[in-house]
Every structure is written in C-alpha cells, then in structure tokens.
N, C-alpha and C. Protein backbone atom coordinates (compact mmCIF):
# COMPACT_ATOMS: atom_id res chain seq x y z
N UNK A 1 17.09 12.03 -12.12
CA UNK A 1 16.73 11.16 -12.91
C UNK A 1 15.68 11.61 -14.27
N UNK A 2 15.91 11.36 -15.47
CA UNK A 2 14.90 11.79 -16.14
C UNK A 2 13.93 10.34 -16.25
N UNK A 3 12.92 10.71 -16.96
CA UNK A 3 11.33 10.13 -17.13
C UNK A 3 12.23 8.62 -17.62
N UNK A 4 12.77 8.57 -18.71
CA UNK A 4 13.08 7.25 -19.37
C UNK A 4 13.84 6.55 -18.33
N UNK A 5 14.52 7.18 -17.72
CA UNK A 5 15.54 6.52 -16.68
C UNK A 5 14.94 6.25 -15.34
N UNK A 6 13.80 6.67 -15.03
CA UNK A 6 13.04 6.43 -13.99
C UNK A 6 12.03 5.08 -14.57
N UNK A 7 11.44 5.34 -15.68
CA UNK A 7 11.01 4.13 -16.20
C UNK A 7 11.45 2.68 -16.60
N UNK A 8 12.91 2.82 -16.79
CA UNK A 8 13.64 1.89 -17.41
C UNK A 8 14.12 1.27 -15.80
N UNK A 9 14.40 2.19 -14.41
CA UNK A 9 14.16 1.43 -13.37
C UNK A 9 13.03 0.83 -12.80
N UNK A 10 12.09 1.21 -13.00
CA UNK A 10 10.58 0.74 -12.40
C UNK A 10 10.62 -0.30 -13.19
N UNK A 11 10.83 -0.60 -14.94
CA UNK A 11 10.90 -1.80 -15.38
C UNK A 11 11.60 -2.91 -14.95
N UNK A 12 12.97 -2.30 -14.46
CA UNK A 12 13.70 -3.27 -13.87
C UNK A 12 13.41 -3.78 -12.79
N UNK A 13 13.04 -2.86 -11.76
CA UNK A 13 12.49 -3.44 -10.49
C UNK A 13 11.34 -4.84 -10.77
N UNK A 14 10.14 -4.07 -11.36
CA UNK A 14 9.37 -5.33 -11.49
C UNK A 14 9.87 -6.85 -12.16
N UNK A 15 10.71 -6.67 -12.97
CA UNK A 15 11.02 -8.06 -13.49
C UNK A 15 12.21 -8.70 -12.09
N UNK A 16 12.56 -8.13 -11.40
CA UNK A 16 13.43 -8.41 -10.28
C UNK A 16 12.92 -8.84 -9.82
N UNK A 17 11.37 -8.15 -9.22
CA UNK A 17 10.17 -8.49 -8.39
C UNK A 17 9.56 -9.70 -8.59
N UNK A 18 9.22 -9.81 -9.94
CA UNK A 18 8.77 -11.07 -10.12
C UNK A 18 9.51 -12.22 -10.40
N UNK A 19 10.54 -12.21 -9.98
CA UNK A 19 11.61 -13.40 -10.28
C UNK A 19 12.06 -14.27 -8.64
N UNK A 20 11.24 -13.36 -7.73
CA UNK A 20 11.55 -13.69 -6.46
C UNK A 20 10.11 -14.29 -5.68
N UNK A 21 10.41 -14.84 -4.86
CA UNK A 21 9.38 -15.44 -4.28
C UNK A 21 8.36 -14.01 -3.16
N UNK A 22 7.27 -14.59 -3.27
CA UNK A 22 6.64 -13.67 -2.23
C UNK A 22 5.94 -14.37 -1.28
N UNK A 23 5.32 -13.89 0.08
CA UNK A 23 4.91 -14.41 1.29
C UNK A 23 5.89 -13.83 2.23
N UNK A 24 5.57 -14.98 3.06
CA UNK A 24 6.62 -14.94 4.40
C UNK A 24 6.77 -16.47 4.49
N UNK A 25 7.75 -16.57 5.67
CA UNK A 25 8.32 -17.41 6.25
C UNK A 25 7.87 -17.37 7.74
N UNK A 26 7.12 -18.65 8.08
CA UNK A 26 6.74 -18.69 9.52
C UNK A 26 7.33 -19.94 10.21
N UNK A 27 7.41 -20.03 11.62
CA UNK A 27 8.00 -21.29 12.00
C UNK A 27 7.08 -21.88 13.05
N UNK A 28 7.08 -22.81 13.26
CA UNK A 28 6.18 -24.10 14.15
C UNK A 28 6.82 -24.70 14.90
N UNK A 29 7.13 -24.72 16.38
CA UNK A 29 7.82 -25.55 17.10
C UNK A 29 6.76 -26.58 17.89
N UNK A 30 7.45 -27.77 17.04
CA UNK A 30 6.57 -29.22 17.52
C UNK A 30 7.71 -30.05 18.07
N UNK A 31 7.25 -30.63 19.30
CA UNK A 31 8.00 -31.42 20.30
C UNK A 31 9.38 -31.05 20.27
N UNK A 32 9.54 -29.60 20.46
CA UNK A 32 11.04 -29.07 20.48
C UNK A 32 11.38 -28.72 19.40
N UNK A 33 10.85 -29.36 18.18
CA UNK A 33 11.96 -28.99 16.78
C UNK A 33 11.16 -27.80 16.08
N UNK A 34 11.95 -27.23 15.42
CA UNK A 34 11.46 -25.93 14.74
C UNK A 34 11.04 -26.40 13.25
N UNK A 35 9.79 -26.03 12.36
CA UNK A 35 9.64 -26.26 11.32
C UNK A 35 9.29 -24.88 10.61
N UNK A 36 9.61 -24.74 9.46
CA UNK A 36 9.41 -23.80 8.57
C UNK A 36 8.75 -23.95 7.78
N UNK A 37 7.80 -22.93 7.28
CA UNK A 37 6.53 -23.13 6.34
C UNK A 37 6.54 -21.58 5.75
N UNK A 38 6.49 -21.53 4.30
CA UNK A 38 6.20 -20.82 3.58
C UNK A 38 4.63 -20.30 3.04
N UNK A 39 4.33 -19.22 3.50
CA UNK A 39 2.98 -18.49 3.43
C UNK A 39 3.02 -17.68 2.48
N UNK A 40 1.85 -18.05 1.57
CA UNK A 40 1.55 -17.48 0.41
C UNK A 40 -0.09 -17.09 0.25
N UNK A 41 -0.49 -16.06 -0.52
CA UNK A 41 -1.98 -15.67 -0.33
C UNK A 41 -2.19 -16.11 -1.88
N UNK A 42 -2.92 -16.95 -2.27
CA UNK A 42 -3.46 -17.09 -3.49
C UNK A 42 -4.95 -17.33 -3.92
N UNK A 43 -5.74 -16.09 -4.76
CA UNK A 43 -7.11 -16.06 -4.63
C UNK A 43 -7.42 -15.77 -3.69
N UNK A 44 -6.92 -14.82 -2.32
CA UNK A 44 -7.54 -14.53 -1.16
C UNK A 44 -7.30 -15.60 -0.21
N UNK A 45 -6.80 -16.71 -0.41
CA UNK A 45 -6.27 -17.93 0.22
C UNK A 45 -5.34 -18.26 0.83
N UNK A 46 -4.93 -18.14 1.79
CA UNK A 46 -3.32 -18.69 2.25
C UNK A 46 -3.21 -20.01 2.39
N UNK A 47 -1.95 -20.15 1.81
CA UNK A 47 -1.55 -21.43 0.94
C UNK A 47 -0.29 -21.66 2.36
N UNK A 48 -0.10 -22.72 2.73
CA UNK A 48 1.56 -22.96 3.52
C UNK A 48 2.06 -23.84 2.75
N UNK A 49 2.94 -24.16 2.56
CA UNK A 49 4.08 -25.11 2.57
C UNK A 49 5.00 -25.49 2.82
N UNK A 50 5.80 -26.59 3.62
CA UNK A 50 6.66 -26.94 4.34
C UNK A 50 8.08 -26.67 3.50
N UNK A 51 8.97 -26.09 4.11
CA UNK A 51 10.52 -25.97 3.90
C UNK A 51 11.56 -26.46 4.69
N UNK A 52 12.35 -26.97 4.01
CA UNK A 52 13.28 -27.93 4.78
C UNK A 52 14.22 -26.83 5.34
N UNK A 53 14.82 -27.18 6.65
CA UNK A 53 15.79 -26.33 7.36
C UNK A 53 16.65 -25.45 6.40
N UNK A 54 17.36 -26.58 5.51
CA UNK A 54 18.63 -25.73 4.83
C UNK A 54 18.41 -25.16 3.84
N UNK A 55 16.91 -24.87 3.49
CA UNK A 55 16.21 -23.85 2.23
C UNK A 55 15.99 -22.82 2.95
N UNK A 56 15.52 -23.02 4.33
CA UNK A 56 14.80 -21.72 4.45
C UNK A 56 15.85 -20.32 4.63
N UNK A 57 16.57 -20.30 4.98
CA UNK A 57 17.57 -19.08 5.25
C UNK A 57 17.56 -18.61 3.84
N UNK A 58 17.68 -19.10 2.56
CA UNK A 58 18.10 -18.46 1.43
C UNK A 58 16.73 -18.14 1.19
N UNK A 59 15.37 -18.72 1.44
CA UNK A 59 13.88 -18.52 1.02
C UNK A 59 14.16 -17.11 1.93
N UNK A 60 13.99 -17.22 2.87
CA UNK A 60 13.78 -15.67 3.87
C UNK A 60 14.72 -14.58 3.76
N UNK A 61 15.64 -14.97 2.49
CA UNK A 61 16.49 -13.94 2.27
C UNK A 61 15.99 -12.89 0.68
N UNK A 62 15.70 -14.24 0.09
CA UNK A 62 15.33 -13.84 -1.06
C UNK A 62 13.34 -13.09 -0.80
N UNK A 63 12.99 -13.01 0.14
CA UNK A 63 11.69 -12.94 0.18
C UNK A 63 11.72 -11.31 0.83
N UNK A 64 12.93 -11.11 1.67
CA UNK A 64 13.40 -9.82 2.15
C UNK A 64 13.81 -8.67 1.24
N UNK A 65 14.53 -9.47 0.31
CA UNK A 65 14.91 -8.70 -1.04
C UNK A 65 14.07 -8.41 -2.05
N UNK A 66 12.91 -9.08 -2.06
CA UNK A 66 11.49 -8.66 -3.01
C UNK A 66 10.96 -7.33 -2.07
N UNK A 67 10.96 -7.56 -0.84
CA UNK A 67 10.34 -6.50 0.15
C UNK A 67 11.01 -5.19 -0.04
N UNK A 68 12.02 -5.48 -0.43
CA UNK A 68 13.10 -4.11 -0.39
C UNK A 68 13.03 -3.46 -1.64
N UNK A 69 12.78 -4.63 -2.64
CA UNK A 69 12.68 -3.92 -4.08
C UNK A 69 11.15 -3.57 -4.36
N UNK A 70 10.17 -3.80 -3.19
CA UNK A 70 8.91 -3.40 -3.69
C UNK A 70 8.98 -2.14 -3.08
N UNK A 71 9.49 -1.68 -2.10
CA UNK A 71 9.67 -0.55 -1.33
C UNK A 71 9.89 0.49 -2.48
N UNK A 72 11.28 0.18 -3.20
CA UNK A 72 12.32 1.39 -3.85
C UNK A 72 11.10 1.41 -5.06
N UNK A 73 10.24 0.15 -5.44
CA UNK A 73 9.46 0.53 -6.80
C UNK A 73 8.30 1.31 -6.44
N UNK A 74 7.99 1.32 -5.18
CA UNK A 74 6.60 2.24 -4.45
C UNK A 74 7.13 3.66 -4.79
N UNK A 75 8.52 3.93 -4.33
CA UNK A 75 9.20 5.25 -4.17
C UNK A 75 9.48 5.59 -5.60
N UNK A 76 10.02 4.67 -6.75
CA UNK A 76 10.10 4.89 -8.14
C UNK A 76 8.79 6.08 -8.49
N UNK A 77 7.87 5.09 -8.08
CA UNK A 77 6.42 5.52 -9.09
C UNK A 77 5.79 6.65 -8.39
N UNK A 78 5.82 6.72 -7.30
CA UNK A 78 5.53 8.23 -6.65
C UNK A 78 6.29 9.41 -7.37
N UNK A 79 7.70 8.78 -7.75
CA UNK A 79 8.44 10.17 -7.93
C UNK A 79 7.73 10.47 -9.60
N UNK A 80 7.67 9.14 -10.02
CA UNK A 80 6.97 9.23 -11.92
C UNK A 80 5.96 9.96 -11.48
N UNK A 81 4.98 9.86 -10.73
CA UNK A 81 3.38 10.34 -10.80
C UNK A 81 3.46 11.65 -10.09
N UNK A 82 4.35 12.03 -9.36
CA UNK A 82 4.70 13.39 -8.59
C UNK A 82 5.21 14.51 -10.15
N UNK A 83 6.32 13.91 -10.95
CA UNK A 83 6.48 14.67 -11.94
C UNK A 83 5.61 14.74 -12.93
N UNK A 84 4.90 13.76 -13.13
CA UNK A 84 4.12 13.91 -14.24
C UNK A 84 2.97 14.98 -13.94
N UNK A 85 2.46 14.92 -12.40
CA UNK A 85 1.27 15.96 -12.27
C UNK A 85 1.70 17.05 -12.18
N UNK A 86 3.13 17.44 -11.90
CA UNK A 86 3.58 18.57 -11.42
C UNK A 86 4.15 19.07 -13.08
N UNK A 87 4.10 18.38 -14.04
CA UNK A 87 4.45 18.93 -15.23
C UNK A 87 5.91 18.87 -15.56
N UNK A 88 6.55 18.59 -14.95
CA UNK A 88 8.16 18.30 -15.19
C UNK A 88 8.75 17.64 -16.42
N UNK A 89 7.87 16.53 -16.60
CA UNK A 89 8.33 15.45 -17.61
C UNK A 89 7.09 15.51 -18.71
N UNK A 90 7.51 15.43 -19.77
CA UNK A 90 6.53 14.95 -20.60
C UNK A 90 5.61 13.85 -20.97
C-alpha cells in the first residue's frame, strides 16, 4: 500500500468510526427482568442511558463494529508511522 492509499484508508476509517456509537452496553437484572444500558464517558464522567431491548442488539453490533474499525485504524497508523520513520515514503 502506498502512502496515499494508507492515508485514504485512515481518513475513511475515521469517517466510519465517527458515524458509530462509542461506549459499551451493560445489563442489569431487576426482579428477574434484564434491562440494557448504554454507557459512555463524557468529559471524564460516565453517563448511562436505558436502551429498549429491541434496540440493544443493533447498538451492540454498532459498538463492536466501531471497536474493530478502531483496531484497524491503529494498525494503519502504525504502518504509516513506521514507513515515515524508515524513510520508505515521502
């Protein structure tokens, strides 16, 4: 992959990541019923909001997709930095 392709992929990953929710989904069992909560950190504070059961699966899927894209972004950034350091790319 040449530098432009790497940078284009990095930019595309950033756009995709920005369009997906961050955080995690947790569950609480209250009186035998499971409730889902979306947890995010905002300004260093944990915020938690209820997620209806019929929306939880989709939210979990989107969060997992975001995490995979973030992993790929870290890998591409490392490759880009390594190539720049090594002098392989302008």
